[in-house]
Amino acid sequence: MPNEPFVDAARALISGERFPPLILVGERQDNLVCLEGHLRLTAYTLVGFPTGIECLIGTSPTMGRWAQ
């Protein structure tokens, strides 16, 4: 089943497992995208975004030009 990894990760969160930090980046802290950790981010969504999600955040005014 294609969704099984996401459901398994959500179940792991419910049972108390902790995941590595998400890596979020953007030009400013109020406009971030997930660079690494999409499966974990989806699992957090499935369980209702518990408090205490650890994230590493990187910002740069030129981040929006990374693909140019």
PDB file of N, CA and C in Angstrom:
ATOM      1  N   MET A   1       0.848  -1.178   0.000  1.00  0.00           N
ATOM      2  CA  MET A   1       0.000   0.000   0.000  1.00  0.00           C
ATOM      3  C   MET A   1       0.897   1.246   0.000  1.00  0.00           C
ATOM      4  N   PRO A   2       0.654   2.207  -0.912  1.00  0.00           N
ATOM      5  CA  PRO A   2       1.510   3.387  -1.044  1.00  0.00           C
ATOM      6  C   PRO A   2       1.543   4.282   0.200  1.00  0.00           C
ATOM      7  N   ASN A   3       0.478   4.307   0.972  1.00  0.00           N
ATOM      8  CA  ASN A   3       0.421   5.179   2.151  1.00  0.00           C
ATOM      9  C   ASN A   3       0.953   4.520   3.420  1.00  0.00           C
ATOM     10  N   GLU A   4       1.329   3.279   3.328  1.00  0.00           N
ATOM     11  CA  GLU A   4       1.746   2.529   4.515  1.00  0.00           C
ATOM     12  C   GLU A   4       2.898   3.184   5.289  1.00  0.00           C
ATOM     13  N   PRO A   5       3.940   3.704   4.638  1.00  0.00           N
ATOM     14  CA  PRO A   5       5.012   4.333   5.419  1.00  0.00           C
ATOM     15  C   PRO A   5       4.525   5.512   6.269  1.00  0.00           C
ATOM     16  N   PHE A   6       3.560   6.276   5.748  1.00  0.00           N
ATOM     17  CA  PHE A   6       3.027   7.419   6.489  1.00  0.00           C
ATOM     18  C   PHE A   6       2.199   6.963   7.687  1.00  0.00           C
ATOM     19  N   VAL A   7       1.388   5.943   7.469  1.00  0.00           N
ATOM     20  CA  VAL A   7       0.563   5.392   8.558  1.00  0.00           C
ATOM     21  C   VAL A   7       1.457   4.753   9.620  1.00  0.00           C
ATOM     22  N   ASP A   8       2.489   4.038   9.195  1.00  0.00           N
ATOM     23  CA  ASP A   8       3.424   3.433  10.149  1.00  0.00           C
ATOM     24  C   ASP A   8       4.125   4.503  10.984  1.00  0.00           C
ATOM     25  N   ALA A   9       4.540   5.591  10.343  1.00  0.00           N
ATOM     26  CA  ALA A   9       5.206   6.676  11.072  1.00  0.00           C
ATOM     27  C   ALA A   9       4.245   7.334  12.053  1.00  0.00           C
ATOM     28  N   ALA A  10       2.983   7.529  11.665  1.00  0.00           N
ATOM     29  CA  ALA A  10       1.994   8.108  12.575  1.00  0.00           C
ATOM     30  C   ALA A  10       1.772   7.188  13.771  1.00  0.00           C
ATOM     31  N   ARG A  11       1.694   5.903  13.534  1.00  0.00           N
ATOM     32  CA  ARG A  11       1.541   4.950  14.642  1.00  0.00           C
ATOM     33  C   ARG A  11       2.745   5.007  15.585  1.00  0.00           C
ATOM     34  N   ALA A  12       3.935   5.150  15.021  1.00  0.00           N
ATOM     35  CA  ALA A  12       5.143   5.249  15.842  1.00  0.00           C
ATOM     36  C   ALA A  12       5.085   6.486  16.732  1.00  0.00           C
ATOM     37  N   LEU A  13       4.615   7.601  16.187  1.00  0.00           N
ATOM     38  CA  LEU A  13       4.469   8.816  16.996  1.00  0.00           C
ATOM     39  C   LEU A  13       3.480   8.604  18.137  1.00  0.00           C
ATOM     40  N   ILE A  14       2.372   7.973  17.819  1.00  0.00           N
ATOM     41  CA  ILE A  14       1.345   7.721  18.834  1.00  0.00           C
ATOM     42  C   ILE A  14       1.899   6.848  19.949  1.00  0.00           C
ATOM     43  N   SER A  15       2.786   5.925  19.603  1.00  0.00           N
ATOM     44  CA  SER A  15       3.352   5.036  20.620  1.00  0.00           C
ATOM     45  C   SER A  15       4.545   5.659  21.350  1.00  0.00           C
ATOM     46  N   GLY A  16       4.865   6.922  21.033  1.00  0.00           N
ATOM     47  CA  GLY A  16       5.892   7.625  21.786  1.00  0.00           C
ATOM     48  C   GLY A  16       7.243   7.765  21.125  1.00  0.00           C
ATOM     49  N   GLU A  17       7.394   7.269  19.909  1.00  0.00           N
ATOM     50  CA  GLU A  17       8.681   7.394  19.228  1.00  0.00           C
ATOM     51  C   GLU A  17       8.963   8.852  18.888  1.00  0.00           C
ATOM     52  N   ARG A  18      10.242   9.223  18.975  1.00  0.00           N
ATOM     53  CA  ARG A  18      10.667  10.574  18.606  1.00  0.00           C
ATOM     54  C   ARG A  18      11.440  10.496  17.303  1.00  0.00           C
ATOM     55  N   PHE A  19      11.224  11.488  16.461  1.00  0.00           N
ATOM     56  CA  PHE A  19      11.877  11.516  15.159  1.00  0.00           C
ATOM     57  C   PHE A  19      12.997  12.553  15.134  1.00  0.00           C
ATOM     58  N   PRO A  20      13.934  12.411  14.194  1.00  0.00           N
ATOM     59  CA  PRO A  20      14.945  13.461  14.006  1.00  0.00           C
ATOM     60  C   PRO A  20      14.261  14.777  13.614  1.00  0.00           C
ATOM     61  N   PRO A  21      14.968  15.884  13.790  1.00  0.00           N
ATOM     62  CA  PRO A  21      14.343  17.179  13.461  1.00  0.00           C
ATOM     63  C   PRO A  21      14.016  17.305  11.978  1.00  0.00           C
ATOM     64  N   LEU A  22      12.960  18.063  11.704  1.00  0.00           N
ATOM     65  CA  LEU A  22      12.660  18.464  10.338  1.00  0.00           C
ATOM     66  C   LEU A  22      13.653  19.552   9.951  1.00  0.00           C
ATOM     67  N   ILE A  23      13.942  19.693   8.673  1.00  0.00           N
ATOM     68  CA  ILE A  23      14.778  20.794   8.200  1.00  0.00           C
ATOM     69  C   ILE A  23      13.890  21.699   7.350  1.00  0.00           C
ATOM     70  N   LEU A  24      13.722  22.929   7.830  1.00  0.00           N
ATOM     71  CA  LEU A  24      12.871  23.919   7.179  1.00  0.00           C
ATOM     72  C   LEU A  24      13.738  25.084   6.723  1.00  0.00           C
ATOM     73  N   VAL A  25      13.468  25.607   5.530  1.00  0.00           N
ATOM     74  CA  VAL A  25      14.246  26.722   5.000  1.00  0.00           C
ATOM     75  C   VAL A  25      13.325  27.746   4.348  1.00  0.00           C
ATOM     76  N   GLY A  26      13.823  28.960   4.235  1.00  0.00           N
ATOM     77  CA  GLY A  26      13.080  30.008   3.563  1.00  0.00           C
ATOM     78  C   GLY A  26      13.809  31.327   3.640  1.00  0.00           C
ATOM     79  N   GLU A  27      13.213  32.328   3.009  1.00  0.00           N
ATOM     80  CA  GLU A  27      13.798  33.663   3.046  1.00  0.00           C
ATOM     81  C   GLU A  27      13.620  34.302   4.424  1.00  0.00           C
ATOM     82  N   ARG A  28      12.511  33.958   5.094  1.00  0.00           N
ATOM     83  CA  ARG A  28      12.206  34.490   6.430  1.00  0.00           C
ATOM     84  C   ARG A  28      11.573  33.368   7.253  1.00  0.00           C
ATOM     85  N   GLN A  29      11.589  33.517   8.566  1.00  0.00           N
ATOM     86  CA  GLN A  29      11.014  32.482   9.433  1.00  0.00           C
ATOM     87  C   GLN A  29       9.499  32.376   9.300  1.00  0.00           C
ATOM     88  N   ASP A  30       8.838  33.382   8.749  1.00  0.00           N
ATOM     89  CA  ASP A  30       7.382  33.298   8.608  1.00  0.00           C
ATOM     90  C   ASP A  30       6.949  32.726   7.253  1.00  0.00           C
ATOM     91  N   ASN A  31       7.911  32.219   6.471  1.00  0.00           N
ATOM     92  CA  ASN A  31       7.593  31.639   5.164  1.00  0.00           C
ATOM     93  C   ASN A  31       8.595  30.529   4.867  1.00  0.00           C
ATOM     94  N   LEU A  32       8.371  29.375   5.474  1.00  0.00           N
ATOM     95  CA  LEU A  32       9.320  28.261   5.375  1.00  0.00           C
ATOM     96  C   LEU A  32       8.748  27.113   4.559  1.00  0.00           C
ATOM     97  N   VAL A  33       9.636  26.330   3.967  1.00  0.00           N
ATOM     98  CA  VAL A  33       9.250  25.082   3.301  1.00  0.00           C
ATOM     99  C   VAL A  33      10.070  23.946   3.917  1.00  0.00           C
ATOM    100  N   CYS A  34       9.538  22.768   3.808  1.00  0.00           N
ATOM    101  CA  CYS A  34      10.220  21.596   4.342  1.00  0.00           C
ATOM    102  C   CYS A  34      11.243  21.108   3.318  1.00  0.00           C
ATOM    103  N   LEU A  35      12.514  21.198   3.686  1.00  0.00           N
ATOM    104  CA  LEU A  35      13.588  20.733   2.810  1.00  0.00           C
ATOM    105  C   LEU A  35      13.827  19.236   2.996  1.00  0.00           C
ATOM    106  N   GLU A  36      13.726  18.769   4.242  1.00  0.00           N
ATOM    107  CA  GLU A  36      13.962  17.351   4.545  1.00  0.00           C
ATOM    108  C   GLU A  36      13.048  16.935   5.678  1.00  0.00           C
ATOM    109  N   GLY A  37      12.371  15.817   5.492  1.00  0.00           N
ATOM    110  CA  GLY A  37      11.491  15.308   6.531  1.00  0.00           C
ATOM    111  C   GLY A  37      10.034  15.247   6.117  1.00  0.00           C
ATOM    112  N   HIS A  38       9.780  15.113   4.827  1.00  0.00           N
ATOM    113  CA  HIS A  38       8.400  15.116   4.344  1.00  0.00           C
ATOM    114  C   HIS A  38       7.563  13.974   4.929  1.00  0.00           C
ATOM    115  N   LEU A  39       8.132  12.801   5.043  1.00  0.00           N
ATOM    116  CA  LEU A  39       7.383  11.687   5.629  1.00  0.00           C
ATOM    117  C   LEU A  39       7.046  11.997   7.090  1.00  0.00           C
ATOM    118  N   ARG A  40       8.025  12.495   7.838  1.00  0.00           N
ATOM    119  CA  ARG A  40       7.789  12.828   9.240  1.00  0.00           C
ATOM    120  C   ARG A  40       6.751  13.943   9.369  1.00  0.00           C
ATOM    121  N   LEU A  41       6.837  14.946   8.491  1.00  0.00           N
ATOM    122  CA  LEU A  41       5.881  16.045   8.526  1.00  0.00           C
ATOM    123  C   LEU A  41       4.463  15.542   8.261  1.00  0.00           C
ATOM    124  N   THR A  42       4.311  14.627   7.329  1.00  0.00           N
ATOM    125  CA  THR A  42       3.002  14.035   7.057  1.00  0.00           C
ATOM    126  C   THR A  42       2.512  13.244   8.260  1.00  0.00           C
ATOM    127  N   ALA A  43       3.395  12.498   8.905  1.00  0.00           N
ATOM    128  CA  ALA A  43       3.006  11.742  10.100  1.00  0.00           C
ATOM    129  C   ALA A  43       2.545  12.687  11.206  1.00  0.00           C
ATOM    130  N   TYR A  44       3.259  13.803  11.407  1.00  0.00           N
ATOM    131  CA  TYR A  44       2.834  14.793  12.410  1.00  0.00           C
ATOM    132  C   TYR A  44       1.445  15.324  12.075  1.00  0.00           C
ATOM    133  N   THR A  45       1.187  15.542  10.792  1.00  0.00           N
ATOM    134  CA  THR A  45      -0.131  16.015  10.366  1.00  0.00           C
ATOM    135  C   THR A  45      -1.209  14.990  10.691  1.00  0.00           C
ATOM    136  N   LEU A  46      -0.927  13.725  10.427  1.00  0.00           N
ATOM    137  CA  LEU A  46      -1.911  12.667  10.669  1.00  0.00           C
ATOM    138  C   LEU A  46      -2.281  12.539  12.149  1.00  0.00           C
ATOM    139  N   VAL A  47      -1.353  12.876  13.042  1.00  0.00           N
ATOM    140  CA  VAL A  47      -1.653  12.763  14.472  1.00  0.00           C
ATOM    141  C   VAL A  47      -2.030  14.107  15.092  1.00  0.00           C
ATOM    142  N   GLY A  48      -2.232  15.135  14.268  1.00  0.00           N
ATOM    143  CA  GLY A  48      -2.728  16.410  14.772  1.00  0.00           C
ATOM    144  C   GLY A  48      -1.662  17.366  15.285  1.00  0.00           C
ATOM    145  N   PHE A  49      -0.453  17.302  14.746  1.00  0.00           N
ATOM    146  CA  PHE A  49       0.639  18.202  15.122  1.00  0.00           C
ATOM    147  C   PHE A  49       0.829  18.313  16.629  1.00  0.00           C
ATOM    148  N   PRO A  50       1.424  17.306  17.242  1.00  0.00           N
ATOM    149  CA  PRO A  50       1.703  17.398  18.673  1.00  0.00           C
ATOM    150  C   PRO A  50       2.687  18.542  18.948  1.00  0.00           C
ATOM    151  N   THR A  51       2.670  19.043  20.154  1.00  0.00           N
ATOM    152  CA  THR A  51       3.612  20.099  20.500  1.00  0.00           C
ATOM    153  C   THR A  51       5.008  19.520  20.631  1.00  0.00           C
ATOM    154  N   GLY A  52       5.987  20.364  20.534  1.00  0.00           N
ATOM    155  CA  GLY A  52       7.356  19.926  20.728  1.00  0.00           C
ATOM    156  C   GLY A  52       8.001  19.281  19.520  1.00  0.00           C
ATOM    157  N   ILE A  53       7.617  19.661  18.322  1.00  0.00           N
ATOM    158  CA  ILE A  53       8.248  19.138  17.118  1.00  0.00           C
ATOM    159  C   ILE A  53       9.580  19.865  16.943  1.00  0.00           C
ATOM    160  N   GLU A  54      10.666  19.106  16.901  1.00  0.00           N
ATOM    161  CA  GLU A  54      11.983  19.707  16.759  1.00  0.00           C
ATOM    162  C   GLU A  54      12.272  19.983  15.284  1.00  0.00           C
ATOM    163  N   CYS A  55      12.744  21.209  15.008  1.00  0.00           N
ATOM    164  CA  CYS A  55      13.056  21.623  13.645  1.00  0.00           C
ATOM    165  C   CYS A  55      14.391  22.353  13.612  1.00  0.00           C
ATOM    166  N   LEU A  56      15.121  22.160  12.547  1.00  0.00           N
ATOM    167  CA  LEU A  56      16.282  22.979  12.234  1.00  0.00           C
ATOM    168  C   LEU A  56      15.828  23.953  11.155  1.00  0.00           C
ATOM    169  N   ILE A  57      16.068  25.244  11.374  1.00  0.00           N
ATOM    170  CA  ILE A  57      15.567  26.262  10.465  1.00  0.00           C
ATOM    171  C   ILE A  57      16.741  27.036   9.878  1.00  0.00           C
ATOM    172  N   GLY A  58      16.731  27.169   8.564  1.00  0.00           N
ATOM    173  CA  GLY A  58      17.734  27.970   7.881  1.00  0.00           C
ATOM    174  C   GLY A  58      17.047  29.053   7.081  1.00  0.00           C
ATOM    175  N   THR A  59      17.529  30.287   7.222  1.00  0.00           N
ATOM    176  CA  THR A  59      16.952  31.388   6.453  1.00  0.00           C
ATOM    177  C   THR A  59      18.063  32.146   5.734  1.00  0.00           C
ATOM    178  N   SER A  60      17.710  32.683   4.582  1.00  0.00           N
ATOM    179  CA  SER A  60      18.607  33.529   3.799  1.00  0.00           C
ATOM    180  C   SER A  60      17.755  34.393   2.880  1.00  0.00           C
ATOM    181  N   PRO A  61      18.046  35.664   2.782  1.00  0.00           N
ATOM    182  CA  PRO A  61      17.269  36.529   1.881  1.00  0.00           C
ATOM    183  C   PRO A  61      17.311  36.057   0.426  1.00  0.00           C
ATOM    184  N   THR A  62      18.298  35.265   0.061  1.00  0.00           N
ATOM    185  CA  THR A  62      18.427  34.802  -1.333  1.00  0.00           C
ATOM    186  C   THR A  62      17.915  33.369  -1.520  1.00  0.00           C
ATOM    187  N   MET A  63      17.286  32.797  -0.528  1.00  0.00           N
ATOM    188  CA  MET A  63      16.815  31.405  -0.621  1.00  0.00           C
ATOM    189  C   MET A  63      15.863  31.197  -1.790  1.00  0.00           C
ATOM    190  N   GLY A  64      15.060  32.190  -2.115  1.00  0.00           N
ATOM    191  CA  GLY A  64      14.097  32.057  -3.202  1.00  0.00           C
ATOM    192  C   GLY A  64      14.739  31.928  -4.576  1.00  0.00           C
ATOM    193  N   ARG A  65      16.018  32.202  -4.685  1.00  0.00           N
ATOM    194  CA  ARG A  65      16.711  32.122  -5.970  1.00  0.00           C
ATOM    195  C   ARG A  65      17.491  30.826  -6.137  1.00  0.00           C
ATOM    196  N   TRP A  66      17.314  29.856  -5.254  1.00  0.00           N
ATOM    197  CA  TRP A  66      18.140  28.647  -5.276  1.00  0.00           C
ATOM    198  C   TRP A  66      18.056  27.882  -6.596  1.00  0.00           C
ATOM    199  N   ALA A  67      16.920  27.922  -7.269  1.00  0.00           N
ATOM    200  CA  ALA A  67      16.745  27.120  -8.488  1.00  0.00           C
ATOM    201  C   ALA A  67      17.050  27.897  -9.771  1.00  0.00           C
ATOM    202  N   GLN A  68      17.517  29.099  -9.640  1.00  0.00           N
ATOM    203  CA  GLN A  68      17.782  29.907 -10.847  1.00  0.00           C
ATOM    204  C   GLN A  68      19.153  29.628 -11.400  1.00  0.00           C
TER     205      GLN A  68
END
